[in-house]
Amino acid sequence: MSGRIAIYPGTFDPITNGHLSIVKRAVKIFDKLVIAILNNPQKRPFFTLDERIDMIGKAVNGLHNIEVDTFDGLVVDYAVKKNANVILRGLRALSDFEYEFQMALINRKFNRDVQSIFLMTDYKWFYTSSTLIKEAAKLGGDISGLIPDFVDRKLKEKIAKNDLNMRCEMFKSLPDNS
C-alpha cells in the first residue's frame, strides 16, 4: 500500500478529547491513521479491549482513512506489519517528552525505517489523561467535556456497576446473625 501511514498506539482506557484532538489533526497529515490499542497483559485496563474498540470507533465516526486495531508486542514490528513508517505520539508536558523521547530512541534502535513523530496536544487538554479522568470520575468529579459524552456515560455506568458489585461482595462477607 502506498501513502503515508501512521500508527497511533496507546491503551486508550478510555479515549479522551485530547486523543481525539491528535487524531483529527493527524488525519490531515497522513493518508491513513491506524489507532492501535495495545493489548498488554501487564496492565489492568478499566475497559475491556472490545469496549475500547467500540468507543474509539464511535468517537472517530465520520473521520476518513482511520482504522482501529489491536496489537501486542513491539509497536515497530506492528508498524512494519501495517506497512507504516511512522509512529505518532501525543505530547502534553515535559514529563511526556522525556518518556516519549526514550521510547522513540529504542524504537529507532529496533527499526531505523520507522520514525516517531510527535504532536503537541491542544492547550485545553494539556492536563488531561485517561488515568486522571478515571480517578476523578471514581471520586465523583465532573469529567464532562474531557471525554466524548457517550464515553462519559459508559464510564459512569461502569463505575456504578463496579461499586454495586463491590458492595454485594462486602455484604456476602458479613457474618450471618440470624
N, C-alpha and C. Protein backbone atom coordinates (compact mmCIF):
# COMPACT_ATOMS: atom_id res chain seq x y z
N MET A 1 0.83 -1.18 0.00
CA MET A 1 0.00 0.00 0.00
C MET A 1 0.88 1.24 0.00
N SER A 2 0.55 2.18 -0.85
CA SER A 2 1.33 3.42 -0.88
C SER A 2 0.63 4.46 -0.04
N GLY A 3 1.31 5.55 0.21
CA GLY A 3 0.76 6.62 1.02
C GLY A 3 1.44 6.68 2.37
N ARG A 4 1.15 7.74 3.06
CA ARG A 4 1.74 7.97 4.38
C ARG A 4 0.81 7.36 5.42
N ILE A 5 1.29 6.28 6.04
CA ILE A 5 0.50 5.56 7.05
C ILE A 5 1.17 5.76 8.40
N ALA A 6 0.36 6.16 9.38
CA ALA A 6 0.88 6.36 10.73
C ALA A 6 0.13 5.45 11.70
N ILE A 7 0.86 4.98 12.68
CA ILE A 7 0.30 4.19 13.77
C ILE A 7 0.21 5.11 14.99
N TYR A 8 -0.97 5.19 15.58
CA TYR A 8 -1.16 5.96 16.82
C TYR A 8 -1.45 4.94 17.92
N PRO A 9 -0.39 4.48 18.62
CA PRO A 9 -0.58 3.44 19.63
C PRO A 9 -0.93 4.00 21.00
N GLY A 10 -1.62 3.18 21.78
CA GLY A 10 -1.92 3.55 23.15
C GLY A 10 -2.88 2.55 23.77
N THR A 11 -3.19 2.78 25.03
CA THR A 11 -4.17 1.91 25.69
C THR A 11 -5.58 2.49 25.54
N PHE A 12 -5.70 3.81 25.43
CA PHE A 12 -6.99 4.47 25.20
C PHE A 12 -8.05 3.96 26.18
N ASP A 13 -7.73 4.06 27.46
CA ASP A 13 -8.59 3.48 28.51
C ASP A 13 -9.10 4.55 29.46
N PRO A 14 -10.04 5.39 29.04
CA PRO A 14 -10.74 5.45 27.75
C PRO A 14 -10.12 6.50 26.83
N ILE A 15 -10.67 6.57 25.63
CA ILE A 15 -10.27 7.63 24.70
C ILE A 15 -10.75 8.96 25.25
N THR A 16 -9.90 9.97 25.14
CA THR A 16 -10.22 11.30 25.67
C THR A 16 -10.34 12.31 24.53
N ASN A 17 -10.80 13.49 24.87
CA ASN A 17 -10.85 14.55 23.86
C ASN A 17 -9.44 14.97 23.44
N GLY A 18 -8.47 14.78 24.32
CA GLY A 18 -7.07 15.03 23.95
C GLY A 18 -6.61 14.07 22.86
N HIS A 19 -6.96 12.78 23.02
CA HIS A 19 -6.64 11.80 21.97
C HIS A 19 -7.30 12.21 20.66
N LEU A 20 -8.57 12.59 20.75
CA LEU A 20 -9.31 12.94 19.53
C LEU A 20 -8.75 14.18 18.85
N SER A 21 -8.22 15.10 19.63
CA SER A 21 -7.56 16.27 19.05
C SER A 21 -6.37 15.85 18.20
N ILE A 22 -5.59 14.92 18.73
CA ILE A 22 -4.43 14.40 17.97
C ILE A 22 -4.92 13.69 16.71
N VAL A 23 -5.95 12.86 16.84
CA VAL A 23 -6.48 12.10 15.70
C VAL A 23 -6.97 13.04 14.61
N LYS A 24 -7.73 14.05 14.98
CA LYS A 24 -8.31 14.97 13.98
C LYS A 24 -7.23 15.73 13.22
N ARG A 25 -6.15 16.06 13.90
CA ARG A 25 -5.05 16.74 13.21
C ARG A 25 -4.22 15.76 12.39
N ALA A 26 -4.08 14.53 12.87
CA ALA A 26 -3.28 13.53 12.16
C ALA A 26 -3.90 13.13 10.83
N VAL A 27 -5.23 13.05 10.77
CA VAL A 27 -5.85 12.64 9.50
C VAL A 27 -5.67 13.69 8.41
N LYS A 28 -5.28 14.91 8.80
CA LYS A 28 -4.98 15.94 7.81
C LYS A 28 -3.54 15.83 7.30
N ILE A 29 -2.72 15.08 8.03
CA ILE A 29 -1.30 14.95 7.68
C ILE A 29 -1.02 13.63 6.96
N PHE A 30 -1.67 12.56 7.41
CA PHE A 30 -1.39 11.22 6.90
C PHE A 30 -2.52 10.73 6.03
N ASP A 31 -2.17 9.86 5.08
CA ASP A 31 -3.18 9.27 4.20
C ASP A 31 -4.03 8.24 4.93
N LYS A 32 -3.45 7.61 5.93
CA LYS A 32 -4.17 6.63 6.74
C LYS A 32 -3.62 6.68 8.15
N LEU A 33 -4.53 6.58 9.12
CA LEU A 33 -4.14 6.55 10.52
C LEU A 33 -4.70 5.27 11.14
N VAL A 34 -3.81 4.49 11.74
CA VAL A 34 -4.23 3.28 12.44
C VAL A 34 -4.14 3.57 13.93
N ILE A 35 -5.31 3.61 14.58
CA ILE A 35 -5.35 3.76 16.03
C ILE A 35 -5.19 2.35 16.59
N ALA A 36 -4.04 2.10 17.18
CA ALA A 36 -3.65 0.75 17.59
C ALA A 36 -3.70 0.64 19.11
N ILE A 37 -4.65 -0.16 19.58
CA ILE A 37 -4.81 -0.35 21.02
C ILE A 37 -3.86 -1.45 21.48
N LEU A 38 -3.00 -1.09 22.40
CA LEU A 38 -2.04 -2.06 22.94
C LEU A 38 -2.76 -3.05 23.84
N ASN A 39 -2.60 -4.31 23.54
CA ASN A 39 -3.13 -5.39 24.37
C ASN A 39 -1.98 -5.87 25.23
N ASN A 40 -1.85 -5.25 26.40
CA ASN A 40 -0.73 -5.53 27.29
C ASN A 40 -1.23 -6.28 28.52
N PRO A 41 -0.88 -7.56 28.65
CA PRO A 41 -1.35 -8.32 29.81
C PRO A 41 -0.80 -7.81 31.15
N GLN A 42 0.25 -6.99 31.12
CA GLN A 42 0.81 -6.43 32.36
C GLN A 42 -0.11 -5.36 32.95
N LYS A 43 -0.84 -4.67 32.07
CA LYS A 43 -1.73 -3.61 32.53
C LYS A 43 -3.11 -4.20 32.82
N ARG A 44 -3.80 -3.54 33.71
CA ARG A 44 -5.17 -3.96 34.04
C ARG A 44 -6.12 -2.82 33.67
N PRO A 45 -6.50 -2.77 32.40
CA PRO A 45 -7.36 -1.66 31.97
C PRO A 45 -8.75 -1.73 32.61
N PHE A 46 -9.35 -0.57 32.75
CA PHE A 46 -10.70 -0.47 33.31
C PHE A 46 -11.73 -0.99 32.32
N PHE A 47 -11.53 -0.67 31.04
CA PHE A 47 -12.42 -1.12 29.98
C PHE A 47 -11.79 -2.31 29.24
N THR A 48 -12.64 -3.22 28.79
CA THR A 48 -12.15 -4.36 28.02
C THR A 48 -11.66 -3.87 26.67
N LEU A 49 -10.93 -4.73 25.99
CA LEU A 49 -10.45 -4.42 24.65
C LEU A 49 -11.63 -4.14 23.71
N ASP A 50 -12.66 -4.97 23.78
CA ASP A 50 -13.83 -4.77 22.93
C ASP A 50 -14.53 -3.45 23.22
N GLU A 51 -14.62 -3.09 24.50
CA GLU A 51 -15.25 -1.81 24.86
C GLU A 51 -14.44 -0.65 24.31
N ARG A 52 -13.13 -0.73 24.39
CA ARG A 52 -12.28 0.35 23.88
C ARG A 52 -12.36 0.45 22.36
N ILE A 53 -12.39 -0.69 21.67
CA ILE A 53 -12.55 -0.68 20.21
C ILE A 53 -13.86 0.00 19.85
N ASP A 54 -14.93 -0.37 20.54
CA ASP A 54 -16.24 0.21 20.27
C ASP A 54 -16.26 1.71 20.53
N MET A 55 -15.71 2.14 21.66
CA MET A 55 -15.71 3.57 22.00
C MET A 55 -14.90 4.38 20.99
N ILE A 56 -13.74 3.87 20.61
CA ILE A 56 -12.91 4.59 19.64
C ILE A 56 -13.62 4.65 18.30
N GLY A 57 -14.21 3.54 17.88
CA GLY A 57 -14.94 3.52 16.62
C GLY A 57 -16.04 4.57 16.58
N LYS A 58 -16.80 4.68 17.67
CA LYS A 58 -17.86 5.70 17.75
C LYS A 58 -17.26 7.10 17.77
N ALA A 59 -16.16 7.28 18.48
CA ALA A 59 -15.56 8.61 18.63
C ALA A 59 -15.00 9.13 17.31
N VAL A 60 -14.54 8.25 16.44
CA VAL A 60 -13.95 8.69 15.17
C VAL A 60 -14.91 8.53 13.99
N ASN A 61 -16.14 8.15 14.30
CA ASN A 61 -17.14 8.00 13.25
C ASN A 61 -17.26 9.30 12.45
N GLY A 62 -17.19 9.20 11.15
CA GLY A 62 -17.26 10.38 10.30
C GLY A 62 -15.90 10.86 9.83
N LEU A 63 -14.84 10.44 10.51
CA LEU A 63 -13.49 10.77 10.04
C LEU A 63 -13.06 9.69 9.05
N HIS A 64 -12.34 10.09 8.03
CA HIS A 64 -11.97 9.15 6.98
C HIS A 64 -10.55 8.64 7.14
N ASN A 65 -10.31 7.49 6.54
CA ASN A 65 -8.98 6.88 6.49
C ASN A 65 -8.43 6.53 7.87
N ILE A 66 -9.33 6.05 8.74
CA ILE A 66 -8.93 5.61 10.07
C ILE A 66 -9.28 4.14 10.23
N GLU A 67 -8.35 3.41 10.79
CA GLU A 67 -8.57 2.01 11.14
C GLU A 67 -8.33 1.88 12.64
N VAL A 68 -9.19 1.15 13.32
CA VAL A 68 -9.00 0.85 14.74
C VAL A 68 -8.61 -0.61 14.83
N ASP A 69 -7.50 -0.88 15.49
CA ASP A 69 -6.96 -2.24 15.54
C ASP A 69 -6.33 -2.46 16.92
N THR A 70 -5.93 -3.69 17.18
CA THR A 70 -5.22 -4.02 18.40
C THR A 70 -3.89 -4.67 18.04
N PHE A 71 -2.97 -4.59 18.98
CA PHE A 71 -1.68 -5.26 18.77
C PHE A 71 -1.08 -5.61 20.11
N ASP A 72 -0.14 -6.54 20.07
CA ASP A 72 0.70 -6.81 21.22
C ASP A 72 2.12 -6.93 20.69
N GLY A 73 3.06 -6.83 21.56
CA GLY A 73 4.45 -6.86 21.12
C GLY A 73 4.98 -5.47 20.85
N LEU A 74 6.03 -5.40 20.07
CA LEU A 74 6.68 -4.13 19.78
C LEU A 74 5.89 -3.33 18.75
N VAL A 75 5.71 -2.06 19.00
CA VAL A 75 4.97 -1.21 18.08
C VAL A 75 5.69 -1.07 16.74
N VAL A 76 7.03 -1.12 16.74
CA VAL A 76 7.75 -1.02 15.47
C VAL A 76 7.48 -2.25 14.60
N ASP A 77 7.38 -3.42 15.21
CA ASP A 77 7.03 -4.62 14.44
C ASP A 77 5.61 -4.52 13.90
N TYR A 78 4.72 -3.99 14.71
CA TYR A 78 3.34 -3.80 14.27
C TYR A 78 3.29 -2.80 13.10
N ALA A 79 4.07 -1.72 13.20
CA ALA A 79 4.12 -0.73 12.13
C ALA A 79 4.54 -1.36 10.81
N VAL A 80 5.56 -2.19 10.85
CA VAL A 80 6.02 -2.88 9.64
C VAL A 80 4.91 -3.77 9.09
N LYS A 81 4.23 -4.47 9.97
CA LYS A 81 3.12 -5.34 9.57
C LYS A 81 2.03 -4.55 8.84
N LYS A 82 1.82 -3.31 9.27
CA LYS A 82 0.77 -2.46 8.70
C LYS A 82 1.31 -1.58 7.56
N ASN A 83 2.54 -1.80 7.13
CA ASN A 83 3.17 -1.01 6.07
C ASN A 83 3.26 0.47 6.42
N ALA A 84 3.45 0.75 7.69
CA ALA A 84 3.58 2.13 8.16
C ALA A 84 5.03 2.41 8.49
N ASN A 85 5.42 3.66 8.30
CA ASN A 85 6.78 4.01 8.68
C ASN A 85 6.79 5.15 9.71
N VAL A 86 5.62 5.42 10.31
CA VAL A 86 5.51 6.48 11.30
C VAL A 86 4.75 5.97 12.53
N ILE A 87 5.32 6.27 13.68
CA ILE A 87 4.63 6.07 14.95
C ILE A 87 4.30 7.47 15.45
N LEU A 88 3.03 7.73 15.63
CA LEU A 88 2.56 9.04 16.07
C LEU A 88 2.30 9.01 17.57
N ARG A 89 2.80 10.02 18.26
CA ARG A 89 2.57 10.12 19.70
C ARG A 89 2.17 11.56 20.03
N GLY A 90 1.30 11.68 21.02
CA GLY A 90 0.90 13.00 21.50
C GLY A 90 1.73 13.38 22.71
N LEU A 91 2.00 14.66 22.83
CA LEU A 91 2.77 15.18 23.96
C LEU A 91 1.95 16.22 24.70
N ARG A 92 2.02 16.16 26.03
CA ARG A 92 1.37 17.18 26.85
C ARG A 92 2.42 18.02 27.55
N ALA A 93 3.18 17.43 28.40
CA ALA A 93 4.12 18.17 29.25
C ALA A 93 5.54 17.67 29.04
N LEU A 94 6.46 18.34 29.68
CA LEU A 94 7.86 17.96 29.59
C LEU A 94 8.07 16.51 30.03
N SER A 95 7.33 16.08 31.04
CA SER A 95 7.47 14.69 31.50
C SER A 95 7.08 13.70 30.40
N ASP A 96 6.08 14.02 29.58
CA ASP A 96 5.73 13.18 28.43
C ASP A 96 6.90 13.10 27.47
N PHE A 97 7.53 14.26 27.22
CA PHE A 97 8.62 14.29 26.25
C PHE A 97 9.75 13.36 26.66
N GLU A 98 10.11 13.39 27.92
CA GLU A 98 11.22 12.56 28.39
C GLU A 98 10.95 11.08 28.14
N TYR A 99 9.76 10.62 28.51
CA TYR A 99 9.38 9.22 28.30
C TYR A 99 9.30 8.90 26.80
N GLU A 100 8.63 9.75 26.05
CA GLU A 100 8.44 9.51 24.62
C GLU A 100 9.77 9.56 23.86
N PHE A 101 10.67 10.43 24.28
CA PHE A 101 11.99 10.50 23.67
C PHE A 101 12.74 9.17 23.85
N GLN A 102 12.67 8.61 25.05
CA GLN A 102 13.31 7.31 25.31
C GLN A 102 12.68 6.22 24.43
N MET A 103 11.35 6.24 24.34
CA MET A 103 10.66 5.24 23.51
C MET A 103 11.05 5.39 22.04
N ALA A 104 11.12 6.62 21.57
CA ALA A 104 11.49 6.87 20.17
C ALA A 104 12.89 6.35 19.89
N LEU A 105 13.81 6.54 20.82
CA LEU A 105 15.18 6.09 20.61
C LEU A 105 15.27 4.57 20.60
N ILE A 106 14.56 3.90 21.49
CA ILE A 106 14.62 2.43 21.50
C ILE A 106 13.93 1.88 20.26
N ASN A 107 12.82 2.51 19.85
CA ASN A 107 12.15 2.06 18.62
C ASN A 107 13.06 2.25 17.42
N ARG A 108 13.79 3.35 17.40
CA ARG A 108 14.73 3.62 16.29
C ARG A 108 15.85 2.57 16.28
N LYS A 109 16.27 2.11 17.46
CA LYS A 109 17.28 1.06 17.51
C LYS A 109 16.74 -0.23 16.91
N PHE A 110 15.46 -0.54 17.20
CA PHE A 110 14.86 -1.76 16.67
C PHE A 110 14.61 -1.69 15.17
N ASN A 111 14.26 -0.49 14.68
CA ASN A 111 13.96 -0.37 13.24
C ASN A 111 14.16 1.09 12.83
N ARG A 112 15.25 1.35 12.12
CA ARG A 112 15.59 2.71 11.71
C ARG A 112 14.68 3.25 10.61
N ASP A 113 13.88 2.40 10.00
CA ASP A 113 12.98 2.85 8.94
C ASP A 113 11.65 3.37 9.48
N VAL A 114 11.40 3.16 10.75
CA VAL A 114 10.15 3.63 11.36
C VAL A 114 10.48 4.86 12.20
N GLN A 115 9.84 5.98 11.85
CA GLN A 115 10.12 7.25 12.51
C GLN A 115 9.04 7.56 13.55
N SER A 116 9.45 8.24 14.61
CA SER A 116 8.50 8.73 15.60
C SER A 116 8.23 10.20 15.33
N ILE A 117 6.95 10.55 15.30
CA ILE A 117 6.53 11.93 15.10
C ILE A 117 5.63 12.31 16.27
N PHE A 118 5.83 13.51 16.80
CA PHE A 118 5.09 13.96 17.97
C PHE A 118 4.21 15.14 17.61
N LEU A 119 3.00 15.12 18.11
CA LEU A 119 2.10 16.27 18.00
C LEU A 119 1.80 16.75 19.41
N MET A 120 1.89 18.04 19.62
CA MET A 120 1.53 18.62 20.91
C MET A 120 0.01 18.63 21.02
N THR A 121 -0.48 18.34 22.21
CA THR A 121 -1.92 18.41 22.42
C THR A 121 -2.37 19.86 22.42
N ASP A 122 -3.63 20.08 22.18
CA ASP A 122 -4.18 21.42 22.31
C ASP A 122 -4.08 21.85 23.77
N TYR A 123 -3.91 23.15 23.99
CA TYR A 123 -3.70 23.66 25.35
C TYR A 123 -4.82 23.26 26.30
N LYS A 124 -6.06 23.14 25.81
CA LYS A 124 -7.16 22.82 26.73
C LYS A 124 -7.14 21.38 27.21
N TRP A 125 -6.32 20.52 26.59
CA TRP A 125 -6.22 19.12 27.03
C TRP A 125 -4.89 18.84 27.70
N PHE A 126 -4.11 19.88 27.93
CA PHE A 126 -2.75 19.75 28.46
C PHE A 126 -2.69 18.95 29.75
N TYR A 127 -3.68 19.06 30.60
CA TYR A 127 -3.66 18.44 31.92
C TYR A 127 -4.42 17.12 31.98
N THR A 128 -5.01 16.70 30.88
CA THR A 128 -5.86 15.51 30.95
C THR A 128 -5.09 14.25 30.58
N SER A 129 -5.50 13.17 31.21
CA SER A 129 -5.01 11.85 30.86
C SER A 129 -6.13 10.87 31.19
N SER A 130 -6.11 9.73 30.55
CA SER A 130 -7.12 8.70 30.84
C SER A 130 -7.10 8.33 32.31
N THR A 131 -5.92 8.22 32.88
CA THR A 131 -5.79 7.83 34.29
C THR A 131 -6.42 8.87 35.21
N LEU A 132 -6.10 10.15 34.98
CA LEU A 132 -6.68 11.20 35.82
C LEU A 132 -8.19 11.28 35.66
N ILE A 133 -8.67 11.09 34.46
CA ILE A 133 -10.11 11.14 34.20
C ILE A 133 -10.81 10.01 34.95
N LYS A 134 -10.26 8.80 34.89
CA LYS A 134 -10.87 7.67 35.61
C LYS A 134 -10.86 7.92 37.11
N GLU A 135 -9.74 8.40 37.64
CA GLU A 135 -9.65 8.65 39.08
C GLU A 135 -10.64 9.70 39.52
N ALA A 136 -10.74 10.79 38.76
CA ALA A 136 -11.69 11.85 39.11
C ALA A 136 -13.13 11.34 39.05
N ALA A 137 -13.44 10.57 38.03
CA ALA A 137 -14.80 10.03 37.88
C ALA A 137 -15.14 9.10 39.04
N LYS A 138 -14.20 8.26 39.44
CA LYS A 138 -14.44 7.34 40.56
C LYS A 138 -14.69 8.08 41.86
N LEU A 139 -14.12 9.28 41.98
CA LEU A 139 -14.31 10.08 43.19
C LEU A 139 -15.47 11.06 43.06
N GLY A 140 -16.23 10.94 41.97
CA GLY A 140 -17.42 11.77 41.79
C GLY A 140 -17.16 13.11 41.13
N GLY A 141 -15.98 13.31 40.58
CA GLY A 141 -15.66 14.57 39.91
C GLY A 141 -16.39 14.71 38.58
N ASP A 142 -16.63 15.95 38.19
CA ASP A 142 -17.29 16.24 36.92
C ASP A 142 -16.26 16.20 35.81
N ILE A 143 -16.33 15.17 34.99
CA ILE A 143 -15.36 14.99 33.90
C ILE A 143 -15.97 15.34 32.55
N SER A 144 -17.18 15.91 32.56
CA SER A 144 -17.83 16.25 31.30
C SER A 144 -16.95 17.24 30.54
N GLY A 145 -16.92 17.06 29.25
CA GLY A 145 -16.11 17.91 28.39
C GLY A 145 -14.69 17.42 28.20
N LEU A 146 -14.26 16.45 29.00
CA LEU A 146 -12.91 15.92 28.86
C LEU A 146 -12.87 14.66 27.99
N ILE A 147 -14.02 14.01 27.88
CA ILE A 147 -14.17 12.82 27.06
C ILE A 147 -15.48 12.95 26.30
N PRO A 148 -15.63 12.21 25.20
CA PRO A 148 -16.91 12.29 24.49
C PRO A 148 -18.06 11.92 25.43
N ASP A 149 -19.23 12.52 25.19
CA ASP A 149 -20.39 12.32 26.07
C ASP A 149 -20.73 10.85 26.26
N PHE A 150 -20.71 10.07 25.19
CA PHE A 150 -21.08 8.65 25.32
C PHE A 150 -20.03 7.88 26.13
N VAL A 151 -18.78 8.30 26.09
CA VAL A 151 -17.73 7.67 26.91
C VAL A 151 -17.96 8.06 28.38
N ASP A 152 -18.34 9.29 28.61
CA ASP A 152 -18.66 9.75 29.96
C ASP A 152 -19.76 8.89 30.56
N ARG A 153 -20.84 8.67 29.81
CA ARG A 153 -21.94 7.83 30.29
C ARG A 153 -21.48 6.41 30.57
N LYS A 154 -20.69 5.84 29.64
CA LYS A 154 -20.22 4.47 29.79
C LYS A 154 -19.31 4.35 31.01
N LEU A 155 -18.45 5.33 31.22
CA LEU A 155 -17.56 5.33 32.37
C LEU A 155 -18.36 5.37 33.67
N LYS A 156 -19.34 6.26 33.74
CA LYS A 156 -20.16 6.37 34.95
C LYS A 156 -20.96 5.08 35.20
N GLU A 157 -21.48 4.48 34.14
CA GLU A 157 -22.22 3.22 34.28
C GLU A 157 -21.31 2.12 34.82
N LYS A 158 -20.10 2.05 34.29
CA LYS A 158 -19.17 1.00 34.70
C LYS A 158 -18.73 1.21 36.15
N ILE A 159 -18.50 2.46 36.54
CA ILE A 159 -18.12 2.75 37.92
C ILE A 159 -19.25 2.35 38.86
N ALA A 160 -20.49 2.70 38.50
CA ALA A 160 -21.64 2.36 39.33
C ALA A 160 -21.79 0.83 39.45
N LYS A 161 -21.60 0.13 38.35
CA LYS A 161 -21.70 -1.33 38.36
C LYS A 161 -20.61 -1.94 39.24
N ASN A 162 -19.38 -1.44 39.11
CA ASN A 162 -18.28 -1.94 39.93
C ASN A 162 -18.52 -1.66 41.41
N ASP A 163 -19.05 -0.47 41.72
CA ASP A 163 -19.37 -0.14 43.11
C ASP A 163 -20.44 -1.07 43.66
N LEU A 164 -21.47 -1.34 42.86
CA LEU A 164 -22.53 -2.24 43.29
C LEU A 164 -21.98 -3.64 43.52
N ASN A 165 -21.14 -4.13 42.61
CA ASN A 165 -20.54 -5.45 42.77
C ASN A 165 -19.68 -5.52 44.03
N MET A 166 -18.94 -4.45 44.30
CA MET A 166 -18.09 -4.42 45.49
C MET A 166 -18.95 -4.44 46.76
N ARG A 167 -20.04 -3.68 46.78
CA ARG A 167 -20.94 -3.67 47.95
C ARG A 167 -21.57 -5.04 48.15
N CYS A 168 -21.95 -5.69 47.05
CA CYS A 168 -22.54 -7.04 47.16
C CYS A 168 -21.53 -8.02 47.76
N GLU A 169 -20.29 -7.93 47.32
CA GLU A 169 -19.24 -8.81 47.85
C GLU A 169 -19.01 -8.54 49.33
N MET A 170 -19.02 -7.27 49.72
CA MET A 170 -18.84 -6.92 51.13
C MET A 170 -20.01 -7.44 51.95
N PHE A 171 -21.22 -7.32 51.43
CA PHE A 171 -22.41 -7.81 52.13
C PHE A 171 -22.35 -9.32 52.32
N LYS A 172 -21.90 -10.03 51.29
CA LYS A 172 -21.79 -11.50 51.37
C LYS A 172 -20.79 -11.92 52.45
N SER A 173 -19.79 -11.08 52.70
CA SER A 173 -18.75 -11.46 53.66
C SER A 173 -19.14 -11.16 55.10
N LEU A 174 -20.27 -10.47 55.30
CA LEU A 174 -20.71 -10.19 56.67
C LEU A 174 -21.18 -11.48 57.33
N PRO A 175 -20.97 -11.59 58.66
CA PRO A 175 -21.43 -12.82 59.36
C PRO A 175 -22.96 -12.87 59.37
N ASP A 176 -23.49 -14.04 59.28
CA ASP A 176 -24.94 -14.26 59.31
C ASP A 176 -25.37 -14.31 60.77
N ASN A 177 -26.11 -13.30 61.21
CA ASN A 177 -26.56 -13.21 62.61
C ASN A 177 -28.03 -13.60 62.78
N SER A 178 -28.50 -14.49 61.94
CA SER A 178 -29.91 -14.85 62.06
C SER A 178 -30.16 -15.86 63.15
